[in-house]
Amino acid sequence: GYEVRFYRVSDLVDTLERVWKEGKLQQFRNKFKKVDLIILDELCEALHNSSYGKLIIM
């Protein structure tokens, strides 16, 4: 009975960048209003493979 979303972190980041550039970030955010749980897969891999992630870890 729960509303769940599953994302690979790299795909979610790509989607966020795309909707931000298109000016549709608010519409994308609205999709999560009734979501109870968001599962983020491969977070450690995404952080390890990006320069941004290396800044967070340090």
N, C-alpha and C. Protein backbone atom coordinates (compact mmCIF):
# COMPACT_ATOMS: atom_id res chain seq x y z
N GLY A 1 0.78 -1.20 0.00
CA GLY A 1 0.00 0.00 0.00
C GLY A 1 0.84 1.28 0.00
N TYR A 2 2.15 1.14 -0.08
CA TYR A 2 3.01 2.32 -0.09
C TYR A 2 3.38 2.71 -1.52
N GLU A 3 3.56 3.99 -1.74
CA GLU A 3 4.01 4.50 -3.02
C GLU A 3 5.53 4.60 -2.96
N VAL A 4 6.22 3.83 -3.82
CA VAL A 4 7.68 3.74 -3.78
C VAL A 4 8.25 4.07 -5.14
N ARG A 5 9.37 4.78 -5.16
CA ARG A 5 10.10 5.08 -6.39
C ARG A 5 11.52 4.55 -6.23
N PHE A 6 12.05 4.00 -7.30
CA PHE A 6 13.39 3.43 -7.31
C PHE A 6 14.19 4.15 -8.38
N TYR A 7 15.35 4.69 -8.02
CA TYR A 7 16.19 5.41 -8.97
C TYR A 7 17.64 4.98 -8.83
N ARG A 8 18.30 4.85 -9.95
CA ARG A 8 19.76 4.78 -9.96
C ARG A 8 20.21 6.23 -9.83
N VAL A 9 21.12 6.52 -8.94
CA VAL A 9 21.52 7.90 -8.64
C VAL A 9 21.96 8.64 -9.90
N SER A 10 22.76 8.00 -10.73
CA SER A 10 23.25 8.66 -11.94
C SER A 10 22.09 9.04 -12.86
N ASP A 11 21.07 8.18 -12.96
CA ASP A 11 19.91 8.49 -13.79
C ASP A 11 19.10 9.64 -13.20
N LEU A 12 18.98 9.64 -11.89
CA LEU A 12 18.22 10.71 -11.22
C LEU A 12 18.92 12.06 -11.43
N VAL A 13 20.24 12.09 -11.30
CA VAL A 13 20.99 13.33 -11.51
C VAL A 13 20.82 13.81 -12.95
N ASP A 14 20.90 12.89 -13.90
CA ASP A 14 20.70 13.26 -15.30
C ASP A 14 19.31 13.85 -15.52
N THR A 15 18.31 13.22 -14.92
CA THR A 15 16.94 13.70 -15.06
C THR A 15 16.77 15.07 -14.42
N LEU A 16 17.34 15.25 -13.24
CA LEU A 16 17.25 16.55 -12.57
C LEU A 16 17.90 17.65 -13.39
N GLU A 17 19.06 17.37 -13.96
CA GLU A 17 19.72 18.37 -14.82
C GLU A 17 18.85 18.72 -16.02
N ARG A 18 18.26 17.69 -16.63
CA ARG A 18 17.45 17.91 -17.83
C ARG A 18 16.21 18.74 -17.52
N VAL A 19 15.46 18.37 -16.45
CA VAL A 19 14.24 19.11 -16.14
C VAL A 19 14.54 20.53 -15.66
N TRP A 20 15.69 20.71 -15.00
CA TRP A 20 16.09 22.06 -14.57
C TRP A 20 16.35 22.94 -15.78
N LYS A 21 17.09 22.40 -16.76
CA LYS A 21 17.39 23.17 -17.97
C LYS A 21 16.12 23.48 -18.77
N GLU A 22 15.14 22.57 -18.70
CA GLU A 22 13.88 22.77 -19.41
C GLU A 22 12.90 23.65 -18.64
N GLY A 23 13.27 24.01 -17.42
CA GLY A 23 12.39 24.83 -16.59
C GLY A 23 11.20 24.07 -16.04
N LYS A 24 11.36 22.75 -15.86
CA LYS A 24 10.26 21.90 -15.41
C LYS A 24 10.56 21.23 -14.07
N LEU A 25 11.44 21.83 -13.28
CA LEU A 25 11.83 21.22 -12.02
C LEU A 25 10.65 21.10 -11.05
N GLN A 26 9.81 22.12 -11.00
CA GLN A 26 8.67 22.09 -10.08
C GLN A 26 7.71 20.96 -10.44
N GLN A 27 7.47 20.74 -11.73
CA GLN A 27 6.59 19.65 -12.15
C GLN A 27 7.18 18.30 -11.74
N PHE A 28 8.50 18.17 -11.88
CA PHE A 28 9.17 16.93 -11.48
C PHE A 28 9.04 16.72 -9.97
N ARG A 29 9.23 17.78 -9.21
CA ARG A 29 9.10 17.69 -7.74
C ARG A 29 7.69 17.29 -7.34
N ASN A 30 6.70 17.79 -8.06
CA ASN A 30 5.31 17.48 -7.72
C ASN A 30 5.01 15.99 -7.83
N LYS A 31 5.76 15.27 -8.64
CA LYS A 31 5.55 13.82 -8.78
C LYS A 31 5.85 13.07 -7.48
N PHE A 32 6.56 13.72 -6.57
CA PHE A 32 6.97 13.05 -5.33
C PHE A 32 6.08 13.39 -4.13
N LYS A 33 5.06 14.18 -4.33
CA LYS A 33 4.23 14.60 -3.20
C LYS A 33 3.55 13.44 -2.49
N LYS A 34 3.21 12.39 -3.21
CA LYS A 34 2.53 11.25 -2.60
C LYS A 34 3.42 10.02 -2.48
N VAL A 35 4.72 10.21 -2.66
CA VAL A 35 5.66 9.10 -2.57
C VAL A 35 6.06 8.90 -1.11
N ASP A 36 5.97 7.66 -0.64
CA ASP A 36 6.31 7.34 0.75
C ASP A 36 7.79 6.97 0.92
N LEU A 37 8.38 6.42 -0.13
CA LEU A 37 9.75 5.93 -0.03
C LEU A 37 10.45 6.09 -1.37
N ILE A 38 11.69 6.60 -1.33
CA ILE A 38 12.53 6.70 -2.52
C ILE A 38 13.78 5.88 -2.26
N ILE A 39 14.03 4.91 -3.12
CA ILE A 39 15.20 4.06 -3.01
C ILE A 39 16.22 4.55 -4.02
N LEU A 40 17.42 4.87 -3.54
CA LEU A 40 18.51 5.35 -4.39
C LEU A 40 19.57 4.27 -4.48
N ASP A 41 19.78 3.76 -5.69
CA ASP A 41 20.73 2.68 -5.91
C ASP A 41 22.04 3.24 -6.44
N GLU A 42 23.12 2.61 -6.08
CA GLU A 42 24.46 2.93 -6.55
C GLU A 42 24.93 4.32 -6.10
N LEU A 43 24.51 4.77 -4.93
CA LEU A 43 24.91 6.06 -4.41
C LEU A 43 26.42 6.12 -4.20
N CYS A 44 26.99 5.10 -3.58
CA CYS A 44 28.43 5.11 -3.32
C CYS A 44 29.21 5.13 -4.62
N GLU A 45 28.75 4.39 -5.62
CA GLU A 45 29.43 4.39 -6.92
C GLU A 45 29.37 5.76 -7.56
N ALA A 46 28.22 6.41 -7.49
CA ALA A 46 28.07 7.74 -8.09
C ALA A 46 28.98 8.75 -7.39
N LEU A 47 29.08 8.68 -6.08
CA LEU A 47 29.95 9.59 -5.34
C LEU A 47 31.41 9.31 -5.66
N HIS A 48 31.75 8.06 -5.78
CA HIS A 48 33.13 7.68 -6.05
C HIS A 48 33.58 8.11 -7.45
N ASN A 49 32.67 8.09 -8.40
CA ASN A 49 33.02 8.37 -9.79
C ASN A 49 32.88 9.84 -10.18
N SER A 50 32.55 10.71 -9.26
CA SER A 50 32.38 12.11 -9.62
C SER A 50 33.29 12.99 -8.78
N SER A 51 33.69 14.09 -9.35
CA SER A 51 34.52 15.03 -8.58
C SER A 51 33.71 15.66 -7.47
N TYR A 52 32.41 15.86 -7.69
CA TYR A 52 31.54 16.40 -6.66
C TYR A 52 31.50 15.47 -5.45
N GLY A 53 31.37 14.18 -5.72
CA GLY A 53 31.34 13.21 -4.65
C GLY A 53 32.61 13.19 -3.84
N LYS A 54 33.73 13.38 -4.50
CA LYS A 54 35.01 13.40 -3.79
C LYS A 54 35.09 14.59 -2.85
N LEU A 55 34.46 15.69 -3.21
CA LEU A 55 34.42 16.85 -2.31
C LEU A 55 33.56 16.56 -1.09
N ILE A 56 32.46 15.84 -1.29
CA ILE A 56 31.57 15.52 -0.17
C ILE A 56 32.26 14.58 0.81
N ILE A 57 32.94 13.59 0.31
CA ILE A 57 33.59 12.59 1.17
C ILE A 57 34.71 13.21 1.98
N MET A 58 35.45 14.14 1.40
CA MET A 58 36.57 14.77 2.11
C MET A 58 36.00 15.65 3.18
